[in-house]
C-alpha atoms as a PDB file:
ATOM      1  CA  MET A   1     -82.369  -4.444 -53.565  1.00  0.00           C
ATOM      2  CA  GLY A   2     -84.856  -6.361 -56.570  1.00  0.00           C
ATOM      3  CA  ILE A   3     -83.606  -8.898 -58.471  1.00  0.00           C
ATOM      4  CA  PHE A   4     -83.257  -7.228 -61.863  1.00  0.00           C
ATOM      5  CA  ASN A   5     -81.399  -3.665 -60.331  1.00  0.00           C
ATOM      6  CA  SER A   6     -78.203  -4.854 -61.538  1.00  0.00           C
ATOM      7  CA  ILE A   7     -79.585  -4.989 -65.159  1.00  0.00           C
ATOM      8  CA  ASP A   8     -81.479  -1.615 -65.053  1.00  0.00           C
ATOM      9  CA  ILE A   9     -78.505  -0.251 -63.784  1.00  0.00           C
ATOM     10  CA  SER A  10     -76.269  -1.571 -66.707  1.00  0.00           C
ATOM     11  CA  ALA A  11     -79.208  -0.435 -69.277  1.00  0.00           C
ATOM     12  CA  SER A  12     -79.130   2.956 -67.621  1.00  0.00           C
ATOM     13  CA  ALA A  13     -75.704   3.149 -69.111  1.00  0.00           C
ATOM     14  CA  LEU A  14     -75.923   1.926 -72.005  1.00  0.00           C
ATOM     15  CA  THR A  15     -78.270   4.845 -72.803  1.00  0.00           C
ATOM     16  CA  ALA A  16     -76.420   7.505 -71.609  1.00  0.00           C
ATOM     17  CA  GLU A  17     -73.306   6.220 -73.083  1.00  0.00           C
ATOM     18  CA  LYS A  18     -74.836   5.675 -76.630  1.00  0.00           C
ATOM     19  CA  THR A  19     -76.266   9.542 -76.490  1.00  0.00           C
ATOM     20  CA  ARG A  20     -72.775  10.285 -75.606  1.00  0.00           C
ATOM     21  CA  ILE A  21     -71.530   8.548 -78.557  1.00  0.00           C
ATOM     22  CA  ASP A  22     -74.178  10.535 -80.819  1.00  0.00           C
ATOM     23  CA  ILE A  23     -72.542  13.319 -79.121  1.00  0.00           C
ATOM     24  CA  ILE A  24     -69.133  12.935 -80.474  1.00  0.00           C
ATOM     25  CA  ALA A  25     -70.231  11.701 -83.525  1.00  0.00           C
ATOM     26  CA  LYS A  26     -72.376  14.934 -84.036  1.00  0.00           C
ATOM     27  CA  ASN A  27     -69.168  17.160 -83.105  1.00  0.00           C
ATOM     28  CA  MET A  28     -66.842  15.132 -85.631  1.00  0.00           C
ATOM     29  CA  ALA A  29     -69.497  15.654 -88.553  1.00  0.00           C
ATOM     30  CA  ASN A  30     -69.790  19.455 -87.487  1.00  0.00           C
ATOM     31  CA  ALA A  31     -65.558  19.690 -87.338  1.00  0.00           C
ATOM     32  CA  ASN A  32     -65.458  22.170 -90.543  1.00  0.00           C
ATOM     33  CA  THR A  33     -68.477  23.290 -90.168  1.00  0.00           C
ATOM     34  CA  THR A  34     -68.068  27.672 -90.279  1.00  0.00           C
ATOM     35  CA  ARG A  35     -71.503  28.506 -90.435  1.00  0.00           C
ATOM     36  CA  THR A  36     -74.422  27.587 -88.320  1.00  0.00           C
ATOM     37  CA  THR A  37     -78.072  28.598 -88.036  1.00  0.00           C
ATOM     38  CA  GLY A  38     -77.192  31.454 -85.744  1.00  0.00           C
ATOM     39  CA  GLY A  39     -74.300  32.200 -87.801  1.00  0.00           C
ATOM     40  CA  THR A  40     -70.891  31.418 -85.988  1.00  0.00           C
ATOM     41  CA  PRO A  41     -69.452  28.418 -86.005  1.00  0.00           C
ATOM     42  CA  TYR A  42     -70.364  25.146 -84.796  1.00  0.00           C
ATOM     43  CA  ARG A  43     -69.279  24.657 -80.940  1.00  0.00           C
ATOM     44  CA  ARG A  44     -68.599  21.868 -79.501  1.00  0.00           C
ATOM     45  CA  GLN A  45     -70.966  19.608 -77.329  1.00  0.00           C
ATOM     46  CA  MET A  46     -70.484  17.525 -74.439  1.00  0.00           C
ATOM     47  CA  VAL A  47     -72.645  15.592 -72.424  1.00  0.00           C
ATOM     48  CA  VAL A  48     -73.043  15.836 -68.384  1.00  0.00           C
ATOM     49  CA  PHE A  49     -73.825  12.493 -66.515  1.00  0.00           C
ATOM     50  CA  GLN A  50     -75.662  12.595 -63.370  1.00  0.00           C
ATOM     51  CA  GLU A  51     -76.463   9.653 -60.553  1.00  0.00           C
ATOM     52  CA  ASN A  52     -80.117   8.499 -61.481  1.00  0.00           C
ATOM     53  CA  LYS A  53     -82.233   8.440 -58.184  1.00  0.00           C
ATOM     54  CA  ALA A  54     -85.618   7.525 -57.312  1.00  0.00           C
ATOM     55  CA  ASN A  55     -87.047  10.444 -55.247  1.00  0.00           C
ATOM     56  CA  SER A  56     -89.888   7.984 -54.206  1.00  0.00           C
ATOM     57  CA  PHE A  57     -90.615   6.691 -50.447  1.00  0.00           C
ATOM     58  CA  SER A  58     -90.096   3.290 -51.375  1.00  0.00           C
ATOM     59  CA  ALA A  59     -86.366   4.559 -52.802  1.00  0.00           C
ATOM     60  CA  TYR A  60     -86.032   6.329 -49.403  1.00  0.00           C
ATOM     61  CA  LEU A  61     -86.912   3.570 -47.411  1.00  0.00           C
ATOM     62  CA  GLU A  62     -84.509   1.340 -49.375  1.00  0.00           C
ATOM     63  CA  LYS A  63     -82.100   3.394 -49.349  1.00  0.00           C
ATOM     64  CA  HIS A  64     -82.216   3.503 -45.462  1.00  0.00           C
ATOM     65  CA  LEU A  65     -82.605  -0.493 -44.947  1.00  0.00           C
ATOM     66  CA  ASN A  66     -80.330  -1.885 -47.319  1.00  0.00           C
ATOM     67  CA  GLY A  67     -77.862   0.723 -47.365  1.00  0.00           C
ATOM     68  CA  PHE A  68     -78.434   0.848 -51.339  1.00  0.00           C
ATOM     69  CA  ASN A  69     -80.324   3.744 -53.641  1.00  0.00           C
ATOM     70  CA  GLY A  70     -78.567   3.633 -56.926  1.00  0.00           C
ATOM     71  CA  LYS A  71     -80.627   3.750 -60.050  1.00  0.00           C
ATOM     72  CA  GLY A  72     -77.895   4.145 -62.624  1.00  0.00           C
ATOM     73  CA  VAL A  73     -76.970   6.927 -64.563  1.00  0.00           C
ATOM     74  CA  ARG A  74     -79.235   9.752 -66.667  1.00  0.00           C
ATOM     75  CA  ILE A  75     -77.773  12.846 -68.640  1.00  0.00           C
ATOM     76  CA  SER A  76     -78.537  15.652 -66.555  1.00  0.00           C
ATOM     77  CA  LYS A  77     -77.750  17.982 -69.832  1.00  0.00           C
ATOM     78  CA  ILE A  78     -76.015  18.396 -73.054  1.00  0.00           C
ATOM     79  CA  VAL A  79     -73.267  21.708 -72.503  1.00  0.00           C
ATOM     80  CA  GLU A  80     -71.581  23.709 -75.233  1.00  0.00           C
ATOM     81  CA  ASP A  81     -67.964  23.966 -74.811  1.00  0.00           C
ATOM     82  CA  GLU A  82     -67.276  27.589 -74.256  1.00  0.00           C
ATOM     83  CA  SER A  83     -63.382  27.363 -75.252  1.00  0.00           C
ATOM     84  CA  PRO A  84     -62.724  30.085 -78.008  1.00  0.00           C
ATOM     85  CA  PHE A  85     -62.730  28.976 -82.232  1.00  0.00           C
ATOM     86  CA  LYS A  86     -60.079  28.337 -83.641  1.00  0.00           C
ATOM     87  CA  LEU A  87     -58.614  31.114 -86.486  1.00  0.00           C
ATOM     88  CA  VAL A  88     -57.451  29.778 -89.850  1.00  0.00           C
ATOM     89  CA  TYR A  89     -55.842  32.055 -92.104  1.00  0.00           C
ATOM     90  CA  GLU A  90     -58.218  31.498 -95.050  1.00  0.00           C
ATOM     91  CA  PRO A  91     -58.358  34.771 -97.296  1.00  0.00           C
ATOM     92  CA  GLY A  92     -60.326  32.866 -99.985  1.00  0.00           C
ATOM     93  CA  HIS A  93     -62.809  31.485 -97.920  1.00  0.00           C
ATOM     94  CA  PRO A  94     -66.796  32.685 -98.154  1.00  0.00           C
ATOM     95  CA  ASP A  95     -67.113  33.453 -93.992  1.00  0.00           C
ATOM     96  CA  ALA A  96     -63.477  35.257 -93.923  1.00  0.00           C
ATOM     97  CA  ASP A  97     -63.268  38.419 -92.390  1.00  0.00           C
ATOM     98  CA  GLU A  98     -61.196  41.674 -93.290  1.00  0.00           C
ATOM     99  CA  ASN A  99     -58.002  40.120 -92.676  1.00  0.00           C
ATOM    100  CA  GLY A 100     -58.281  36.963 -94.201  1.00  0.00           C
ATOM    101  CA  TYR A 101     -58.642  34.583 -91.383  1.00  0.00           C
ATOM    102  CA  VAL A 102     -61.886  32.081 -90.611  1.00  0.00           C
ATOM    103  CA  LYS A 103     -63.005  31.390 -87.336  1.00  0.00           C
ATOM    104  CA  MET A 104     -63.392  27.314 -87.341  1.00  0.00           C
ATOM    105  CA  PRO A 105     -65.276  25.136 -84.795  1.00  0.00           C
ATOM    106  CA  ASN A 106     -64.053  24.348 -81.261  1.00  0.00           C
ATOM    107  CA  VAL A 107     -64.254  20.711 -82.175  1.00  0.00           C
ATOM    108  CA  ASP A 108     -60.575  18.858 -82.028  1.00  0.00           C
ATOM    109  CA  ILE A 109     -60.812  15.323 -83.859  1.00  0.00           C
ATOM    110  CA  MET A 110     -57.812  13.905 -81.807  1.00  0.00           C
ATOM    111  CA  LYS A 111     -60.059  14.826 -78.282  1.00  0.00           C
ATOM    112  CA  GLU A 112     -63.234  13.686 -79.658  1.00  0.00           C
ATOM    113  CA  MET A 113     -61.576  10.077 -80.874  1.00  0.00           C
ATOM    114  CA  VAL A 114     -60.235   9.664 -77.582  1.00  0.00           C
ATOM    115  CA  ASP A 115     -63.631  10.564 -76.017  1.00  0.00           C
ATOM    116  CA  LEU A 116     -65.200   7.854 -78.345  1.00  0.00           C
ATOM    117  CA  ILE A 117     -62.702   5.222 -77.480  1.00  0.00           C
ATOM    118  CA  SER A 118     -63.701   6.239 -73.667  1.00  0.00           C
ATOM    119  CA  ALA A 119     -67.302   5.971 -74.389  1.00  0.00           C
ATOM    120  CA  GLN A 120     -66.973   2.303 -75.893  1.00  0.00           C
ATOM    121  CA  ARG A 121     -64.827   1.009 -73.232  1.00  0.00           C
ATOM    122  CA  ALA A 122     -67.544   2.381 -70.733  1.00  0.00           C
ATOM    123  CA  TYR A 123     -70.277   1.057 -73.080  1.00  0.00           C
ATOM    124  CA  ASP A 124     -68.547  -2.493 -73.417  1.00  0.00           C
ATOM    125  CA  ALA A 125     -68.202  -2.690 -69.238  1.00  0.00           C
ATOM    126  CA  ASN A 126     -71.495  -2.208 -69.324  1.00  0.00           C
ATOM    127  CA  ILE A 127     -72.524  -4.861 -71.444  1.00  0.00           C
ATOM    128  CA  THR A 128     -70.057  -7.485 -69.508  1.00  0.00           C
ATOM    129  CA  ALA A 129     -71.807  -6.278 -66.222  1.00  0.00           C
ATOM    130  CA  MET A 130     -75.313  -6.720 -67.480  1.00  0.00           C
ATOM    131  CA  ASN A 131     -74.473 -10.374 -69.410  1.00  0.00           C
ATOM    132  CA  THR A 132     -72.803 -11.140 -65.821  1.00  0.00           C
ATOM    133  CA  SER A 133     -75.946 -10.225 -64.097  1.00  0.00           C
ATOM    134  CA  LYS A 134     -77.906 -12.329 -66.263  1.00  0.00           C
ATOM    135  CA  ALA A 135     -75.651 -15.434 -65.923  1.00  0.00           C
ATOM    136  CA  MET A 136     -76.074 -15.271 -62.330  1.00  0.00           C
ATOM    137  CA  LEU A 137     -79.675 -14.901 -62.203  1.00  0.00           C
ATOM    138  CA  MET A 138     -80.035 -18.223 -64.426  1.00  0.00           C
ATOM    139  CA  LYS A 139     -77.720 -19.940 -62.174  1.00  0.00           C
ATOM    140  CA  ALA A 140     -80.002 -19.176 -59.037  1.00  0.00           C
ATOM    141  CA  LEU A 141     -82.569 -20.170 -61.144  1.00  0.00           C
ATOM    142  CA  GLU A 142     -81.147 -23.776 -62.117  1.00  0.00           C
ATOM    143  CA  ILE A 143     -80.092 -24.084 -58.074  1.00  0.00           C
ATOM    144  CA  GLY A 144     -84.491 -24.240 -57.652  1.00  0.00           C
ATOM    145  CA  LYS A 145     -84.321 -27.577 -59.845  1.00  0.00           C
END
């Protein structure tokens, strides 16, 4: 395990959580978008995280010698939520059907706020882990004085 691995792992988590926050902000911004370029309402997007493993021989060797092969986290994909659109009765709306119902995006602002708070907490926790690793490295350097 390298000296900067813990910082690299925390940095990968910071990048992943930043992207998650960006997607949540995009969902919230489009909570009332009834027409996209495809002609349908906006569909909520979600981020899928995956363990970031190195596939090199050195990573394989390190895993079997030290039992550690973690390289942090990465975003494997961004998927659309397939839950149904909300139907709202609004006969005067330009996107209303013949019965006066408008298909609204499947974005729930409360759910997005909870996800945003969760992402923020994870981001803060990884900053704390990174700062702790940095402090430990600085203390290790002081030992040599």
